[in-house]
Amino acid sequence: MNTNTDPNNADRNPDTIALPTFAMLASQLEQAGFVAGVPAWLSKYAESVDRFCLRRMKCPNRACRHKGMEYLAYAGTPRRYVVLAVCPRCQSAEAF
């Protein structure tokens, strides 16, 4: 059994990997010039599809696995956007 929690270890246990949090990803997006909020040009249909997918998504944190991620959009220029899927239980997050 691998008990090493060093994130730089190549043969690390996937259950011990530090996952990005909402705060980490939001900070990176804001530093890259993105602004919190759904872009005005994004269709309501596209937004609803994103939200539907996140309601079905499970948390990437294996210790949590909560079903139903929160939707947080960030608008960039020109016509770029990123959605953060945020776990309401543990705050683990993924960007897509």
C-alpha atoms as a PDB file:
ATOM      1  CA  MET A   1       0.000   0.000   0.000  1.00  0.00           C
ATOM      2  CA  ASN A   2       1.326   3.399  -0.985  1.00  0.00           C
ATOM      3  CA  THR A   3       1.089   5.877   1.905  1.00  0.00           C
ATOM      4  CA  ASN A   4       3.271   8.553   0.318  1.00  0.00           C
ATOM      5  CA  THR A   5       1.297  11.804  -0.016  1.00  0.00           C
ATOM      6  CA  ASP A   6       3.996  13.698  -1.922  1.00  0.00           C
ATOM      7  CA  PRO A   7       2.165  15.175  -4.981  1.00  0.00           C
ATOM      8  CA  ASN A   8       5.362  14.907  -7.034  1.00  0.00           C
ATOM      9  CA  ASN A   9       5.619  11.146  -6.578  1.00  0.00           C
ATOM     10  CA  ALA A  10       5.033   9.449  -9.952  1.00  0.00           C
ATOM     11  CA  ASP A  11       3.477   6.302  -8.458  1.00  0.00           C
ATOM     12  CA  ARG A  12       1.226   8.079  -5.996  1.00  0.00           C
ATOM     13  CA  ASN A  13      -2.091   6.777  -4.767  1.00  0.00           C
ATOM     14  CA  PRO A  14      -4.889   8.546  -6.721  1.00  0.00           C
ATOM     15  CA  ASP A  15      -6.910   8.856  -3.504  1.00  0.00           C
ATOM     16  CA  THR A  16      -4.286  11.194  -2.021  1.00  0.00           C
ATOM     17  CA  ILE A  17      -3.898  13.623  -4.922  1.00  0.00           C
ATOM     18  CA  ALA A  18      -4.726  17.206  -3.969  1.00  0.00           C
ATOM     19  CA  LEU A  19      -7.552  18.342  -6.242  1.00  0.00           C
ATOM     20  CA  PRO A  20      -8.036  21.952  -7.301  1.00  0.00           C
ATOM     21  CA  THR A  21     -10.597  23.903  -5.307  1.00  0.00           C
ATOM     22  CA  PHE A  22     -13.011  26.549  -6.494  1.00  0.00           C
ATOM     23  CA  ALA A  23     -10.845  29.273  -4.943  1.00  0.00           C
ATOM     24  CA  MET A  24      -7.727  28.064  -6.785  1.00  0.00           C
ATOM     25  CA  LEU A  25      -9.394  27.827 -10.203  1.00  0.00           C
ATOM     26  CA  ALA A  26     -11.342  31.082  -9.813  1.00  0.00           C
ATOM     27  CA  SER A  27      -8.129  32.903  -8.934  1.00  0.00           C
ATOM     28  CA  GLN A  28      -6.357  31.481 -11.993  1.00  0.00           C
ATOM     29  CA  LEU A  29      -9.225  32.493 -14.285  1.00  0.00           C
ATOM     30  CA  GLU A  30      -9.371  36.021 -12.880  1.00  0.00           C
ATOM     31  CA  GLN A  31      -5.599  36.397 -13.310  1.00  0.00           C
ATOM     32  CA  ALA A  32      -6.046  35.303 -16.941  1.00  0.00           C
ATOM     33  CA  GLY A  33      -8.595  38.091 -17.509  1.00  0.00           C
ATOM     34  CA  PHE A  34     -11.845  36.157 -17.125  1.00  0.00           C
ATOM     35  CA  VAL A  35     -14.785  37.768 -15.325  1.00  0.00           C
ATOM     36  CA  ALA A  36     -17.312  35.862 -13.213  1.00  0.00           C
ATOM     37  CA  GLY A  37     -20.695  35.569 -14.914  1.00  0.00           C
ATOM     38  CA  VAL A  38     -22.396  34.027 -17.910  1.00  0.00           C
ATOM     39  CA  PRO A  39     -21.314  35.780 -21.132  1.00  0.00           C
ATOM     40  CA  ALA A  40     -24.103  37.829 -22.748  1.00  0.00           C
ATOM     41  CA  TRP A  41     -23.531  36.108 -26.102  1.00  0.00           C
ATOM     42  CA  LEU A  42     -23.988  32.562 -24.719  1.00  0.00           C
ATOM     43  CA  SER A  43     -27.353  31.108 -25.715  1.00  0.00           C
ATOM     44  CA  LYS A  44     -29.791  30.049 -22.994  1.00  0.00           C
ATOM     45  CA  TYR A  45     -29.806  26.606 -24.604  1.00  0.00           C
ATOM     46  CA  ALA A  46     -26.021  26.197 -24.266  1.00  0.00           C
ATOM     47  CA  GLU A  47     -26.183  27.340 -20.650  1.00  0.00           C
ATOM     48  CA  SER A  48     -29.012  24.901 -19.893  1.00  0.00           C
ATOM     49  CA  VAL A  49     -27.042  22.009 -21.421  1.00  0.00           C
ATOM     50  CA  ASP A  50     -24.021  22.870 -19.265  1.00  0.00           C
ATOM     51  CA  ARG A  51     -26.194  23.073 -16.149  1.00  0.00           C
ATOM     52  CA  PHE A  52     -27.894  19.756 -16.974  1.00  0.00           C
ATOM     53  CA  CYS A  53     -24.536  18.011 -17.313  1.00  0.00           C
ATOM     54  CA  LEU A  54     -23.339  19.397 -13.986  1.00  0.00           C
ATOM     55  CA  ARG A  55     -26.459  18.232 -12.161  1.00  0.00           C
ATOM     56  CA  ARG A  56     -25.573  14.680 -13.219  1.00  0.00           C
ATOM     57  CA  MET A  57     -21.829  14.988 -12.584  1.00  0.00           C
ATOM     58  CA  LYS A  58     -20.160  13.453  -9.533  1.00  0.00           C
ATOM     59  CA  CYS A  59     -17.468  15.197  -7.535  1.00  0.00           C
ATOM     60  CA  PRO A  60     -13.960  14.271  -8.761  1.00  0.00           C
ATOM     61  CA  ASN A  61     -12.835  13.862  -5.143  1.00  0.00           C
ATOM     62  CA  ARG A  62     -12.954  10.103  -4.491  1.00  0.00           C
ATOM     63  CA  ALA A  63     -13.503  10.703  -0.793  1.00  0.00           C
ATOM     64  CA  CYS A  64     -16.632  12.783  -1.546  1.00  0.00           C
ATOM     65  CA  ARG A  65     -18.305  11.676  -4.821  1.00  0.00           C
ATOM     66  CA  HIS A  66     -21.266  14.022  -4.206  1.00  0.00           C
ATOM     67  CA  LYS A  67     -23.687  13.990  -7.146  1.00  0.00           C
ATOM     68  CA  GLY A  68     -24.671  17.402  -8.481  1.00  0.00           C
ATOM     69  CA  MET A  69     -22.035  20.039  -9.119  1.00  0.00           C
ATOM     70  CA  GLU A  70     -22.657  23.797  -9.031  1.00  0.00           C
ATOM     71  CA  TYR A  71     -22.394  25.848 -12.243  1.00  0.00           C
ATOM     72  CA  LEU A  72     -20.153  28.926 -12.232  1.00  0.00           C
ATOM     73  CA  ALA A  73     -19.393  30.574 -15.563  1.00  0.00           C
ATOM     74  CA  TYR A  74     -16.518  32.935 -16.360  1.00  0.00           C
ATOM     75  CA  ALA A  75     -16.505  35.124 -19.448  1.00  0.00           C
ATOM     76  CA  GLY A  76     -13.373  35.938 -21.403  1.00  0.00           C
ATOM     77  CA  THR A  77     -12.581  37.747 -24.605  1.00  0.00           C
ATOM     78  CA  PRO A  78     -13.023  37.292 -27.488  1.00  0.00           C
ATOM     79  CA  ARG A  79     -16.103  35.072 -27.128  1.00  0.00           C
ATOM     80  CA  ARG A  80     -14.485  32.642 -24.727  1.00  0.00           C
ATOM     81  CA  TYR A  81     -15.928  31.192 -21.583  1.00  0.00           C
ATOM     82  CA  VAL A  82     -15.055  28.618 -18.962  1.00  0.00           C
ATOM     83  CA  VAL A  83     -17.439  26.800 -16.658  1.00  0.00           C
ATOM     84  CA  LEU A  84     -16.344  25.696 -13.216  1.00  0.00           C
ATOM     85  CA  ALA A  85     -18.019  22.599 -11.837  1.00  0.00           C
ATOM     86  CA  VAL A  86     -17.873  23.056  -8.066  1.00  0.00           C
ATOM     87  CA  CYS A  87     -18.801  20.483  -5.442  1.00  0.00           C
ATOM     88  CA  PRO A  88     -21.131  22.075  -2.882  1.00  0.00           C
ATOM     89  CA  ARG A  89     -19.934  19.598  -0.234  1.00  0.00           C
ATOM     90  CA  CYS A  90     -16.114  19.726  -0.421  1.00  0.00           C
ATOM     91  CA  GLN A  91     -15.400  22.636  -2.838  1.00  0.00           C
ATOM     92  CA  SER A  92     -13.358  20.464  -5.236  1.00  0.00           C
ATOM     93  CA  ALA A  93     -13.660  21.884  -8.737  1.00  0.00           C
ATOM     94  CA  GLU A  94     -13.036  21.182 -12.401  1.00  0.00           C
ATOM     95  CA  ALA A  95     -12.940  23.616 -15.298  1.00  0.00           C
ATOM     96  CA  PHE A  96     -14.433  22.869 -18.701  1.00  0.00           C
END
